[in-house]
Amino acid sequence: MRRYLLDTAPLAALLHGRQGAVALITPWIARHEVTTSILVYAEVMEYLQGRSGLPEYHAVLRTLLREIYPYFLTFPVLERYAQIRRELRPPHGPGLIGDIDTLIAATALERSLTLVTTDTDFQRVPGLEAKILARDQFR
């Protein structure tokens, strides 16, 4: 049963074999508890564009995504996105977060998943269960 949705920093850290990410995420993979968003895939690909060894990293990332299912955008996710934006928009809420982050949060909410991230902006999303990790955990 899927329980966790990986955000960009944890997935990129796992891709690079960073010990903290490997230790945290590998057991979740073994238990089929981890997933991600197709938008996280896009963000990781953007990050990889500036690195040497892009073809090798891309191949490893695609292999990882055989075990870490990427959820795609659906009408319910997009409707949740709209709801989140209205809730965050002043004067009703504390202010918007980025559109991609909002879509990732909407995916986690629609799928009843805990978002695993290093981005504290997600704490502002009403009802989102987020596991906020220290950035230095993945160095």
Protein backbone atom coordinates (compact mmCIF):
# COMPACT_ATOMS: atom_id res chain seq x y z
CA MET A 1 0.00 0.00 0.00
CA ARG A 2 1.39 3.38 -0.99
CA ARG A 3 1.86 5.76 1.93
CA TYR A 4 4.47 8.34 0.90
CA LEU A 5 4.84 10.74 -2.02
CA LEU A 6 8.43 11.86 -2.60
CA ASP A 7 9.07 15.48 -3.45
CA THR A 8 12.00 16.60 -5.60
CA ALA A 9 14.83 16.84 -3.03
CA PRO A 10 14.33 13.34 -1.55
CA LEU A 11 14.00 11.73 -5.00
CA ALA A 12 17.09 13.55 -6.32
CA ALA A 13 19.04 12.55 -3.21
CA LEU A 14 18.03 8.91 -3.69
CA LEU A 15 19.03 9.12 -7.35
CA HIS A 16 22.49 10.33 -6.28
CA GLY A 17 22.81 7.58 -3.69
CA ARG A 18 23.00 9.95 -0.74
CA GLN A 19 23.19 7.83 2.39
CA GLY A 20 20.40 9.59 4.32
CA ALA A 21 17.97 9.23 1.42
CA VAL A 22 18.93 5.63 0.72
CA ALA A 23 18.52 4.66 4.39
CA LEU A 24 15.12 6.37 4.66
CA ILE A 25 13.54 5.52 1.31
CA THR A 26 14.87 2.05 0.43
CA PRO A 27 12.76 0.27 3.09
CA TRP A 28 9.67 2.11 1.78
CA ILE A 29 10.47 0.92 -1.73
CA ALA A 30 10.85 -2.68 -0.50
CA ARG A 31 7.39 -2.44 1.10
CA HIS A 32 5.88 -0.71 -1.98
CA GLU A 33 4.97 2.31 0.15
CA VAL A 34 6.52 5.10 -1.92
CA THR A 35 5.36 7.02 -4.95
CA THR A 36 5.95 10.42 -6.53
CA SER A 37 4.37 12.87 -8.95
CA ILE A 38 5.16 13.09 -12.64
CA LEU A 39 5.88 16.76 -11.88
CA VAL A 40 8.66 15.71 -9.48
CA TYR A 41 10.10 13.69 -12.37
CA ALA A 42 10.08 16.89 -14.46
CA GLU A 43 11.79 18.89 -11.71
CA VAL A 44 14.47 16.23 -11.24
CA MET A 45 15.03 16.15 -15.01
CA GLU A 46 15.45 19.94 -15.02
CA TYR A 47 18.06 19.60 -12.25
CA LEU A 48 19.88 16.85 -14.16
CA GLN A 49 20.11 18.95 -17.33
CA GLY A 50 22.94 20.94 -15.77
CA ARG A 51 24.98 17.94 -14.66
CA SER A 52 27.51 15.84 -16.48
CA GLY A 53 26.45 12.24 -16.99
CA LEU A 54 22.86 13.11 -17.90
CA PRO A 55 22.23 9.89 -19.89
CA GLU A 56 23.38 7.73 -16.97
CA TYR A 57 21.35 9.66 -14.38
CA HIS A 58 18.33 9.57 -16.65
CA ALA A 59 18.60 5.80 -17.01
CA VAL A 60 18.88 5.35 -13.22
CA LEU A 61 15.91 7.66 -12.68
CA ARG A 62 13.76 5.72 -15.14
CA THR A 63 14.77 2.48 -13.40
CA LEU A 64 13.80 3.96 -10.01
CA LEU A 65 10.40 4.90 -11.42
CA ARG A 66 9.69 1.22 -12.02
CA GLU A 67 9.49 0.91 -8.23
CA ILE A 68 8.39 4.46 -7.36
CA TYR A 69 5.17 4.94 -9.29
CA PRO A 70 4.72 8.50 -10.64
CA TYR A 71 1.13 9.73 -10.34
CA PHE A 72 -0.11 11.75 -13.29
CA LEU A 73 -2.40 14.76 -13.18
CA THR A 74 -6.11 13.95 -13.15
CA PHE A 75 -9.25 16.05 -13.06
CA PRO A 76 -9.69 15.44 -9.30
CA VAL A 77 -6.07 16.51 -8.67
CA LEU A 78 -6.59 19.68 -10.72
CA GLU A 79 -9.81 20.45 -8.86
CA ARG A 80 -7.97 19.99 -5.55
CA TYR A 81 -5.25 22.33 -6.89
CA ALA A 82 -7.87 25.03 -7.46
CA GLN A 83 -9.27 24.51 -3.97
CA ILE A 84 -5.81 24.76 -2.37
CA ARG A 85 -5.01 27.98 -4.25
CA ARG A 86 -8.24 29.59 -3.06
CA GLU A 87 -7.53 28.52 0.52
CA LEU A 88 -3.97 29.89 0.43
CA ARG A 89 -4.74 33.15 -1.37
CA PRO A 90 -4.92 36.18 0.92
CA PRO A 91 -7.03 37.32 2.65
CA HIS A 92 -8.24 33.74 3.26
CA GLY A 93 -4.83 32.17 3.74
CA PRO A 94 -1.13 32.80 4.36
CA GLY A 95 -0.20 33.24 0.67
CA LEU A 96 0.31 31.07 -2.37
CA ILE A 97 3.08 28.57 -2.90
CA GLY A 98 4.46 27.70 -6.33
CA ASP A 99 2.09 26.16 -8.86
CA ILE A 100 4.07 22.94 -9.25
CA ASP A 101 4.29 22.56 -5.47
CA THR A 102 0.54 23.15 -5.24
CA LEU A 103 -0.07 20.42 -7.83
CA ILE A 104 2.23 18.04 -5.95
CA ALA A 105 0.37 18.81 -2.71
CA ALA A 106 -2.97 18.27 -4.48
CA THR A 107 -1.75 14.87 -5.70
CA ALA A 108 -0.74 13.86 -2.16
CA LEU A 109 -4.09 15.02 -0.75
CA GLU A 110 -6.14 13.29 -3.45
CA ARG A 111 -4.27 10.01 -2.89
CA SER A 112 -4.21 10.32 0.93
CA LEU A 113 -0.41 10.23 0.97
CA THR A 114 2.16 11.80 3.26
CA LEU A 115 4.38 14.17 1.30
CA VAL A 116 8.09 13.66 2.03
CA THR A 117 9.94 16.90 1.39
CA THR A 118 12.52 19.41 2.58
CA ASP A 119 10.31 22.37 1.59
CA THR A 120 8.64 24.02 4.57
CA ASP A 121 6.20 25.90 2.27
CA PHE A 122 4.10 22.74 2.22
CA GLN A 123 3.27 23.29 5.90
CA ARG A 124 0.90 26.04 4.75
CA VAL A 125 -1.31 23.66 2.75
CA PRO A 126 -4.46 22.90 4.78
CA GLY A 127 -4.95 19.21 5.55
CA LEU A 128 -1.69 18.08 3.93
CA GLU A 129 0.25 15.53 5.93
CA ALA A 130 3.90 16.34 5.30
CA LYS A 131 7.09 14.81 6.62
CA ILE A 132 9.48 17.77 6.52
CA LEU A 133 13.08 16.60 6.50
CA ALA A 134 16.20 18.65 7.15
CA ARG A 135 18.06 19.48 3.95
CA ASP A 136 21.37 18.36 5.48
CA GLN A 137 19.92 14.86 5.87
CA PHE A 138 20.48 14.40 2.12
CA ARG A 139 23.99 15.81 1.70
